[in-house]
N, C-alpha and C. Protein backbone atom coordinates (compact mmCIF):
# COMPACT_ATOMS: atom_id res chain seq x y z
N MET A 1 92.04 112.86 77.61
CA MET A 1 92.60 112.97 76.28
C MET A 1 91.81 112.12 75.30
N GLU A 2 91.75 112.60 74.08
CA GLU A 2 90.96 111.93 73.06
C GLU A 2 91.77 110.86 72.33
N ASN A 3 91.16 109.68 72.15
CA ASN A 3 91.81 108.61 71.40
C ASN A 3 91.62 108.82 69.91
N THR A 4 92.66 108.52 69.17
CA THR A 4 92.61 108.61 67.71
C THR A 4 93.52 107.52 67.15
N ILE A 5 93.52 107.39 65.84
CA ILE A 5 94.38 106.41 65.18
C ILE A 5 95.73 107.06 64.91
N TYR A 6 96.80 106.37 65.31
CA TYR A 6 98.16 106.82 65.05
C TYR A 6 98.91 105.75 64.28
N THR A 7 99.74 106.21 63.35
CA THR A 7 100.65 105.33 62.63
C THR A 7 102.04 105.60 63.16
N ILE A 8 102.65 104.56 63.71
CA ILE A 8 104.01 104.67 64.25
C ILE A 8 104.96 104.02 63.25
N SER A 9 105.97 104.76 62.84
CA SER A 9 106.99 104.24 61.93
C SER A 9 108.29 104.07 62.71
N VAL A 10 108.84 102.87 62.65
CA VAL A 10 110.08 102.57 63.36
C VAL A 10 111.12 102.14 62.34
N TYR A 11 112.22 102.86 62.30
CA TYR A 11 113.34 102.51 61.42
C TYR A 11 114.38 101.81 62.29
N ALA A 12 114.78 100.61 61.86
CA ALA A 12 115.65 99.81 62.72
C ALA A 12 116.47 98.81 61.91
N GLU A 13 117.48 98.28 62.59
CA GLU A 13 118.17 97.12 62.06
C GLU A 13 117.21 95.94 62.26
N ASN A 14 117.26 94.98 61.39
CA ASN A 14 116.36 93.83 61.48
C ASN A 14 117.05 92.71 62.23
N ASN A 15 117.08 92.81 63.54
CA ASN A 15 117.76 91.82 64.37
C ASN A 15 116.75 90.97 65.13
N ILE A 16 117.17 89.76 65.45
CA ILE A 16 116.32 88.82 66.17
C ILE A 16 115.93 89.40 67.52
N GLY A 17 114.66 89.29 67.85
CA GLY A 17 114.15 89.71 69.15
C GLY A 17 113.58 91.12 69.19
N LEU A 18 113.87 91.94 68.17
CA LEU A 18 113.38 93.32 68.19
C LEU A 18 111.85 93.37 68.15
N LEU A 19 111.25 92.57 67.30
CA LEU A 19 109.79 92.54 67.22
C LEU A 19 109.18 92.21 68.58
N ASN A 20 109.74 91.26 69.26
CA ASN A 20 109.25 90.87 70.58
C ASN A 20 109.38 92.01 71.58
N ARG A 21 110.51 92.70 71.55
CA ARG A 21 110.71 93.82 72.49
C ARG A 21 109.76 94.98 72.20
N ILE A 22 109.52 95.25 70.92
CA ILE A 22 108.60 96.33 70.56
C ILE A 22 107.18 95.97 70.97
N SER A 23 106.76 94.74 70.69
CA SER A 23 105.39 94.34 71.06
C SER A 23 105.21 94.35 72.58
N ALA A 24 106.26 94.05 73.33
CA ALA A 24 106.18 94.08 74.80
C ALA A 24 105.90 95.49 75.32
N ILE A 25 106.41 96.49 74.62
CA ILE A 25 106.16 97.88 75.02
C ILE A 25 104.66 98.17 74.97
N PHE A 26 103.98 97.68 73.94
CA PHE A 26 102.54 97.89 73.82
C PHE A 26 101.78 97.03 74.83
N LEU A 27 102.25 95.81 75.03
CA LEU A 27 101.61 94.89 75.97
C LEU A 27 101.60 95.47 77.39
N LYS A 28 102.72 96.02 77.82
CA LYS A 28 102.82 96.59 79.17
C LYS A 28 101.81 97.72 79.39
N ARG A 29 101.45 98.41 78.31
CA ARG A 29 100.53 99.54 78.41
C ARG A 29 99.10 99.17 78.01
N HIS A 30 98.88 97.89 77.76
CA HIS A 30 97.56 97.38 77.39
C HIS A 30 96.99 98.08 76.15
N ILE A 31 97.86 98.27 75.16
CA ILE A 31 97.44 98.89 73.90
C ILE A 31 97.44 97.81 72.82
N ASN A 32 96.31 97.63 72.19
CA ASN A 32 96.17 96.64 71.13
C ASN A 32 96.70 97.21 69.82
N LEU A 33 97.40 96.38 69.06
CA LEU A 33 97.88 96.79 67.73
C LEU A 33 96.76 96.56 66.72
N GLU A 34 96.37 97.61 66.03
CA GLU A 34 95.35 97.50 64.99
C GLU A 34 95.93 96.86 63.73
N SER A 35 97.21 97.16 63.48
CA SER A 35 97.88 96.69 62.27
C SER A 35 99.37 96.74 62.50
N PHE A 36 100.09 95.81 61.85
CA PHE A 36 101.54 95.78 61.96
C PHE A 36 102.10 95.25 60.66
N SER A 37 103.06 95.96 60.09
CA SER A 37 103.74 95.46 58.89
C SER A 37 105.19 95.89 58.93
N THR A 38 106.00 95.17 58.21
CA THR A 38 107.42 95.49 58.16
C THR A 38 107.95 95.24 56.77
N SER A 39 108.94 96.02 56.39
CA SER A 39 109.56 95.85 55.08
C SER A 39 110.91 96.56 55.07
N ALA A 40 111.63 96.37 54.00
CA ALA A 40 112.85 97.13 53.81
C ALA A 40 112.47 98.60 53.66
N SER A 41 113.37 99.49 54.04
CA SER A 41 113.13 100.92 53.87
C SER A 41 113.89 101.41 52.64
N GLU A 42 113.93 102.70 52.48
CA GLU A 42 114.63 103.29 51.34
C GLU A 42 116.15 103.19 51.46
N ILE A 43 116.66 102.83 52.62
CA ILE A 43 118.10 102.67 52.86
C ILE A 43 118.41 101.19 53.01
N PRO A 44 119.41 100.67 52.29
CA PRO A 44 119.76 99.24 52.40
C PRO A 44 120.08 98.85 53.84
N ASP A 45 119.65 97.66 54.22
CA ASP A 45 119.90 97.07 55.55
C ASP A 45 119.17 97.78 56.69
N VAL A 46 118.26 98.69 56.38
CA VAL A 46 117.43 99.33 57.41
C VAL A 46 115.98 98.97 57.10
N PHE A 47 115.27 98.48 58.12
CA PHE A 47 113.90 98.06 57.94
C PHE A 47 112.95 99.04 58.59
N ARG A 48 111.73 99.04 58.07
CA ARG A 48 110.71 99.94 58.61
C ARG A 48 109.53 99.12 59.11
N PHE A 49 109.19 99.35 60.37
CA PHE A 49 108.01 98.75 60.96
C PHE A 49 106.91 99.81 60.94
N VAL A 50 105.73 99.45 60.49
CA VAL A 50 104.59 100.36 60.49
C VAL A 50 103.55 99.76 61.43
N ILE A 51 103.28 100.48 62.52
CA ILE A 51 102.38 99.99 63.57
C ILE A 51 101.23 100.97 63.70
N VAL A 52 100.01 100.45 63.69
CA VAL A 52 98.82 101.29 63.83
C VAL A 52 98.16 100.98 65.17
N VAL A 53 97.91 102.05 65.94
CA VAL A 53 97.27 101.92 67.25
C VAL A 53 96.17 102.95 67.40
N HIS A 54 95.26 102.66 68.30
CA HIS A 54 94.18 103.57 68.66
C HIS A 54 94.45 104.00 70.10
N SER A 55 94.89 105.24 70.27
CA SER A 55 95.28 105.72 71.60
C SER A 55 95.26 107.24 71.63
N ASP A 56 95.72 107.79 72.74
CA ASP A 56 95.81 109.26 72.83
C ASP A 56 97.25 109.69 72.55
N ALA A 57 97.42 110.96 72.24
CA ALA A 57 98.72 111.50 71.80
C ALA A 57 99.80 111.33 72.87
N GLU A 58 99.47 111.54 74.11
CA GLU A 58 100.47 111.45 75.18
C GLU A 58 101.00 110.02 75.32
N ARG A 59 100.12 109.04 75.30
CA ARG A 59 100.56 107.64 75.41
C ARG A 59 101.41 107.25 74.21
N VAL A 60 101.01 107.68 73.02
CA VAL A 60 101.77 107.35 71.81
C VAL A 60 103.15 108.00 71.88
N ARG A 61 103.23 109.23 72.33
CA ARG A 61 104.52 109.91 72.45
C ARG A 61 105.45 109.12 73.39
N LYS A 62 104.91 108.67 74.52
CA LYS A 62 105.71 107.89 75.48
C LYS A 62 106.13 106.54 74.90
N ILE A 63 105.25 105.92 74.14
CA ILE A 63 105.58 104.64 73.50
C ILE A 63 106.72 104.82 72.51
N VAL A 64 106.64 105.86 71.70
CA VAL A 64 107.69 106.13 70.72
C VAL A 64 109.03 106.36 71.43
N GLN A 65 109.01 107.07 72.54
CA GLN A 65 110.24 107.28 73.32
C GLN A 65 110.81 105.95 73.81
N GLN A 66 109.93 105.06 74.29
CA GLN A 66 110.39 103.74 74.75
C GLN A 66 110.95 102.91 73.60
N ILE A 67 110.29 102.98 72.45
CA ILE A 67 110.77 102.23 71.28
C ILE A 67 112.16 102.71 70.89
N GLU A 68 112.37 104.02 70.91
CA GLU A 68 113.66 104.58 70.52
C GLU A 68 114.79 104.19 71.47
N LYS A 69 114.47 103.73 72.67
CA LYS A 69 115.49 103.28 73.62
C LYS A 69 116.04 101.90 73.27
N GLN A 70 115.36 101.19 72.37
CA GLN A 70 115.83 99.86 71.97
C GLN A 70 117.12 100.01 71.17
N VAL A 71 118.08 99.17 71.44
CA VAL A 71 119.40 99.27 70.83
C VAL A 71 119.34 99.23 69.30
N ASP A 72 118.51 98.39 68.74
CA ASP A 72 118.45 98.21 67.28
C ASP A 72 117.67 99.30 66.57
N VAL A 73 116.96 100.15 67.31
CA VAL A 73 116.11 101.18 66.70
C VAL A 73 116.94 102.41 66.38
N ILE A 74 116.79 102.89 65.15
CA ILE A 74 117.48 104.10 64.72
C ILE A 74 116.65 105.34 65.04
N LYS A 75 115.36 105.28 64.66
CA LYS A 75 114.45 106.41 64.89
C LYS A 75 113.02 105.93 64.79
N ALA A 76 112.14 106.55 65.55
CA ALA A 76 110.71 106.24 65.49
C ALA A 76 109.92 107.54 65.40
N PHE A 77 108.81 107.49 64.67
CA PHE A 77 107.94 108.65 64.47
C PHE A 77 106.50 108.22 64.68
N TYR A 78 105.62 109.18 64.95
CA TYR A 78 104.19 108.88 64.96
C TYR A 78 103.44 109.99 64.23
N HIS A 79 102.35 109.58 63.56
CA HIS A 79 101.56 110.51 62.76
C HIS A 79 100.09 110.13 62.82
N THR A 80 99.24 111.13 62.62
CA THR A 80 97.80 110.89 62.50
C THR A 80 97.48 110.51 61.06
N ASP A 81 96.26 110.04 60.82
CA ASP A 81 95.83 109.70 59.46
C ASP A 81 95.91 110.90 58.52
N GLU A 82 95.64 112.09 59.04
CA GLU A 82 95.67 113.30 58.22
C GLU A 82 97.09 113.64 57.75
N GLU A 83 98.09 113.14 58.45
CA GLU A 83 99.49 113.43 58.12
C GLU A 83 100.14 112.37 57.23
N THR A 84 99.38 111.34 56.88
CA THR A 84 99.96 110.24 56.10
C THR A 84 99.10 109.90 54.89
N ILE A 85 99.73 109.20 53.97
CA ILE A 85 99.03 108.56 52.85
C ILE A 85 99.19 107.07 53.11
N PHE A 86 98.08 106.36 53.21
CA PHE A 86 98.16 104.95 53.59
C PHE A 86 97.18 104.10 52.80
N GLN A 87 97.51 102.82 52.72
CA GLN A 87 96.69 101.83 52.02
C GLN A 87 96.90 100.47 52.68
N GLU A 88 96.02 99.54 52.33
CA GLU A 88 96.18 98.14 52.70
C GLU A 88 95.94 97.32 51.44
N ASN A 89 96.39 96.09 51.45
CA ASN A 89 96.23 95.21 50.31
C ASN A 89 95.49 93.96 50.79
N ALA A 90 94.58 93.45 49.97
CA ALA A 90 93.82 92.26 50.35
C ALA A 90 93.76 91.29 49.18
N LEU A 91 93.73 90.00 49.52
CA LEU A 91 93.53 88.93 48.53
C LEU A 91 92.28 88.15 48.92
N TYR A 92 91.51 87.78 47.91
CA TYR A 92 90.25 87.05 48.09
C TYR A 92 90.29 85.83 47.18
N LYS A 93 90.13 84.66 47.74
CA LYS A 93 90.09 83.42 46.96
C LYS A 93 88.62 82.98 46.91
N VAL A 94 88.10 82.86 45.68
CA VAL A 94 86.68 82.60 45.48
C VAL A 94 86.52 81.39 44.56
N LYS A 95 85.46 80.61 44.77
CA LYS A 95 85.17 79.46 43.90
C LYS A 95 85.08 79.91 42.44
N SER A 96 85.74 79.18 41.55
CA SER A 96 85.73 79.55 40.12
C SER A 96 84.34 79.50 39.52
N SER A 97 83.51 78.61 39.98
CA SER A 97 82.16 78.52 39.40
C SER A 97 81.41 79.84 39.53
N SER A 98 81.69 80.61 40.56
CA SER A 98 81.03 81.90 40.75
C SER A 98 81.36 82.88 39.62
N LEU A 99 82.59 82.83 39.14
CA LEU A 99 83.03 83.75 38.11
C LEU A 99 82.27 83.53 36.81
N PHE A 100 81.95 82.28 36.52
CA PHE A 100 81.30 81.95 35.25
C PHE A 100 79.78 81.84 35.37
N GLU A 101 79.29 81.47 36.54
CA GLU A 101 77.85 81.27 36.71
C GLU A 101 77.13 82.50 37.25
N GLU A 102 77.83 83.33 37.96
CA GLU A 102 77.23 84.51 38.58
C GLU A 102 77.81 85.77 37.92
N ARG A 103 77.16 86.27 36.91
CA ARG A 103 77.67 87.45 36.19
C ARG A 103 77.78 88.68 37.09
N HIS A 104 76.96 88.73 38.11
CA HIS A 104 76.97 89.87 39.02
C HIS A 104 78.33 90.03 39.71
N ILE A 105 79.04 88.94 39.93
CA ILE A 105 80.33 89.02 40.62
C ILE A 105 81.34 89.82 39.80
N GLN A 106 81.25 89.75 38.49
CA GLN A 106 82.15 90.54 37.64
C GLN A 106 81.89 92.03 37.83
N ASN A 107 80.63 92.41 38.02
CA ASN A 107 80.30 93.81 38.30
C ASN A 107 80.85 94.25 39.66
N ILE A 108 80.80 93.36 40.63
CA ILE A 108 81.34 93.67 41.96
C ILE A 108 82.83 93.94 41.87
N ILE A 109 83.54 93.08 41.14
CA ILE A 109 84.99 93.23 40.98
C ILE A 109 85.30 94.54 40.27
N LYS A 110 84.59 94.80 39.21
CA LYS A 110 84.84 96.02 38.43
C LYS A 110 84.53 97.28 39.24
N SER A 111 83.40 97.31 39.90
CA SER A 111 83.01 98.51 40.64
C SER A 111 83.90 98.77 41.86
N SER A 112 84.54 97.73 42.38
CA SER A 112 85.42 97.92 43.54
C SER A 112 86.86 98.24 43.12
N HIS A 113 87.10 98.30 41.81
CA HIS A 113 88.44 98.58 41.28
C HIS A 113 89.45 97.52 41.72
N ALA A 114 88.99 96.28 41.84
CA ALA A 114 89.86 95.16 42.16
C ALA A 114 90.30 94.50 40.86
N THR A 115 91.29 93.63 40.96
CA THR A 115 91.77 92.91 39.79
C THR A 115 91.84 91.42 40.07
N ILE A 116 91.61 90.64 39.04
CA ILE A 116 91.77 89.20 39.15
C ILE A 116 93.24 88.89 38.84
N VAL A 117 93.91 88.21 39.79
CA VAL A 117 95.34 87.95 39.61
C VAL A 117 95.63 86.53 39.12
N THR A 118 94.72 85.60 39.34
CA THR A 118 94.88 84.24 38.84
C THR A 118 93.54 83.54 38.77
N VAL A 119 93.44 82.64 37.81
CA VAL A 119 92.21 81.84 37.65
C VAL A 119 92.63 80.39 37.46
N SER A 120 91.98 79.49 38.16
CA SER A 120 92.19 78.06 37.99
C SER A 120 90.82 77.40 37.90
N PRO A 121 90.75 76.12 37.57
CA PRO A 121 89.43 75.46 37.50
C PRO A 121 88.67 75.46 38.83
N GLU A 122 89.40 75.48 39.95
CA GLU A 122 88.75 75.40 41.26
C GLU A 122 88.48 76.76 41.91
N PHE A 123 89.33 77.74 41.62
CA PHE A 123 89.21 79.03 42.30
C PHE A 123 89.82 80.14 41.45
N PHE A 124 89.51 81.38 41.83
CA PHE A 124 90.21 82.54 41.28
C PHE A 124 90.56 83.46 42.44
N VAL A 125 91.59 84.29 42.23
CA VAL A 125 92.06 85.17 43.29
C VAL A 125 91.94 86.61 42.82
N ILE A 126 91.37 87.42 43.69
CA ILE A 126 91.17 88.85 43.43
C ILE A 126 92.09 89.62 44.37
N GLU A 127 92.66 90.71 43.85
CA GLU A 127 93.51 91.60 44.65
C GLU A 127 92.85 92.97 44.69
N LYS A 128 92.84 93.56 45.89
CA LYS A 128 92.27 94.90 46.08
C LYS A 128 93.20 95.71 46.97
N THR A 129 93.57 96.88 46.52
CA THR A 129 94.34 97.82 47.33
C THR A 129 93.43 98.99 47.65
N GLY A 130 93.43 99.41 48.92
CA GLY A 130 92.59 100.53 49.31
C GLY A 130 92.58 100.71 50.81
N PHE A 131 91.61 101.46 51.27
CA PHE A 131 91.44 101.67 52.70
C PHE A 131 90.77 100.45 53.33
N ARG A 132 90.91 100.29 54.62
CA ARG A 132 90.35 99.14 55.34
C ARG A 132 88.86 98.97 55.05
N GLU A 133 88.12 100.08 55.02
CA GLU A 133 86.68 100.01 54.78
C GLU A 133 86.38 99.43 53.39
N GLU A 134 87.20 99.77 52.41
CA GLU A 134 86.99 99.28 51.04
C GLU A 134 87.29 97.79 50.92
N THR A 135 88.39 97.35 51.52
CA THR A 135 88.72 95.93 51.43
C THR A 135 87.73 95.09 52.23
N GLU A 136 87.24 95.64 53.32
CA GLU A 136 86.24 94.93 54.12
C GLU A 136 84.90 94.86 53.38
N GLN A 137 84.51 95.92 52.71
CA GLN A 137 83.27 95.91 51.94
C GLN A 137 83.32 94.87 50.82
N LEU A 138 84.44 94.77 50.14
CA LEU A 138 84.57 93.76 49.09
C LEU A 138 84.48 92.35 49.68
N ARG A 139 85.05 92.14 50.85
CA ARG A 139 84.94 90.83 51.52
C ARG A 139 83.48 90.48 51.76
N LYS A 140 82.73 91.45 52.27
CA LYS A 140 81.30 91.23 52.52
C LYS A 140 80.53 90.96 51.23
N ASP A 141 80.89 91.70 50.16
CA ASP A 141 80.21 91.52 48.87
C ASP A 141 80.50 90.17 48.24
N LEU A 142 81.69 89.63 48.47
CA LEU A 142 82.08 88.35 47.87
C LEU A 142 81.63 87.15 48.68
N ALA A 143 81.34 87.33 49.94
CA ALA A 143 80.98 86.21 50.83
C ALA A 143 79.87 85.32 50.27
N PRO A 144 78.80 85.86 49.71
CA PRO A 144 77.73 84.99 49.20
C PRO A 144 78.13 84.15 47.97
N TYR A 145 79.26 84.45 47.36
CA TYR A 145 79.67 83.77 46.13
C TYR A 145 80.72 82.69 46.36
N GLY A 146 80.91 82.27 47.59
CA GLY A 146 81.85 81.20 47.87
C GLY A 146 83.26 81.70 48.16
N LEU A 147 83.36 82.62 49.08
CA LEU A 147 84.67 83.13 49.49
C LEU A 147 85.39 82.02 50.26
N LEU A 148 86.49 81.53 49.70
CA LEU A 148 87.22 80.42 50.28
C LEU A 148 88.30 80.88 51.27
N GLN A 149 88.97 81.98 50.93
CA GLN A 149 90.00 82.53 51.80
C GLN A 149 90.03 84.04 51.65
N PHE A 150 90.47 84.68 52.71
CA PHE A 150 90.61 86.15 52.71
C PHE A 150 91.81 86.50 53.58
N VAL A 151 92.65 87.42 53.09
CA VAL A 151 93.76 87.92 53.89
C VAL A 151 93.97 89.39 53.54
N ARG A 152 94.28 90.16 54.58
CA ARG A 152 94.52 91.60 54.38
C ARG A 152 95.86 91.93 55.02
N SER A 153 96.64 92.76 54.35
CA SER A 153 97.93 93.18 54.90
C SER A 153 97.71 94.21 56.00
N GLY A 154 98.78 94.50 56.70
CA GLY A 154 98.77 95.64 57.60
C GLY A 154 98.89 96.91 56.78
N ARG A 155 98.68 98.01 57.43
CA ARG A 155 98.78 99.30 56.77
C ARG A 155 100.21 99.55 56.31
N ILE A 156 100.32 100.11 55.12
CA ILE A 156 101.59 100.67 54.67
C ILE A 156 101.34 102.15 54.47
N SER A 157 102.35 102.97 54.78
CA SER A 157 102.10 104.41 54.72
C SER A 157 103.39 105.18 54.45
N VAL A 158 103.20 106.36 53.93
CA VAL A 158 104.26 107.36 53.81
C VAL A 158 103.69 108.66 54.36
N THR A 159 104.56 109.53 54.83
CA THR A 159 104.09 110.80 55.37
C THR A 159 103.93 111.82 54.26
N LYS A 160 103.04 112.75 54.47
CA LYS A 160 102.86 113.84 53.52
C LYS A 160 104.02 114.83 53.61
N ALA A 161 104.48 115.09 54.82
CA ALA A 161 105.57 116.04 55.03
C ALA A 161 106.91 115.30 55.02
N LYS A 162 107.96 116.03 54.73
CA LYS A 162 109.30 115.46 54.77
C LYS A 162 109.63 115.10 56.22
N MET A 163 110.13 113.89 56.43
CA MET A 163 110.45 113.44 57.78
C MET A 163 111.92 113.67 58.14
N GLY A 164 112.78 113.84 57.16
CA GLY A 164 114.20 114.00 57.45
C GLY A 164 114.88 112.71 57.81
N ILE A 165 114.16 111.60 57.69
CA ILE A 165 114.74 110.32 58.08
C ILE A 165 115.86 109.89 57.14
N SER A 166 115.80 110.29 55.89
CA SER A 166 116.85 109.88 54.94
C SER A 166 118.21 110.36 55.39
N ASP A 167 118.29 111.58 55.90
CA ASP A 167 119.57 112.09 56.41
C ASP A 167 120.06 111.26 57.60
N ILE A 168 119.14 110.95 58.50
CA ILE A 168 119.50 110.13 59.67
C ILE A 168 119.95 108.74 59.22
N LEU A 169 119.19 108.14 58.30
CA LEU A 169 119.52 106.80 57.84
C LEU A 169 120.82 106.78 57.05
N ASN A 170 121.05 107.81 56.24
CA ASN A 170 122.30 107.87 55.48
C ASN A 170 123.49 108.02 56.41
N SER A 171 123.36 108.81 57.46
CA SER A 171 124.47 108.95 58.40
C SER A 171 124.70 107.63 59.14
N PHE A 172 123.60 106.91 59.43
CA PHE A 172 123.72 105.59 60.07
C PHE A 172 124.47 104.64 59.14
N LYS A 173 124.09 104.65 57.88
CA LYS A 173 124.71 103.77 56.88
C LYS A 173 126.19 104.09 56.73
N ASN A 174 126.53 105.38 56.68
CA ASN A 174 127.92 105.79 56.50
C ASN A 174 128.79 105.47 57.70
N ASN A 175 128.19 105.39 58.88
CA ASN A 175 128.95 105.08 60.10
C ASN A 175 129.16 103.59 60.28
N ASN A 176 128.45 102.78 59.51
CA ASN A 176 128.58 101.30 59.66
C ASN A 176 129.35 100.70 58.54
């Protein structure tokens, strides 16, 4: 079977220990997580975990089934990159002297469609939203100018097709 990138979405109650149990499912199968993020979902008190893995369809299907067996999990889905719209967010902390002494850095920021979110005498912070390749390229471009810190979020995504999860989540909400 061919390996590809899958985005797994898990809708769940946000209870202590769930993250550990979900990560153990991947650990047992020796599957590395490429990205992991969590946030509130469109339904109050229901959280969404977005997990990105590189695996084959059969293994991902089995993993999703195992995740759904967890008591706190309401529903889990998996999708390919073609079935989702996704982005990542990155922050870059750079020496302030670069902004004023190196005019080329302003062109780098502008051409990458990034924005400066704060400026201080010691540093400035740039924010970039995009695909992993784009945020990584900006990191490489900024490195020669005194990149002090870099952080990138996990993938966030929505599906192109209707998932029907709102009906499931609303029924969950109404039953509690």
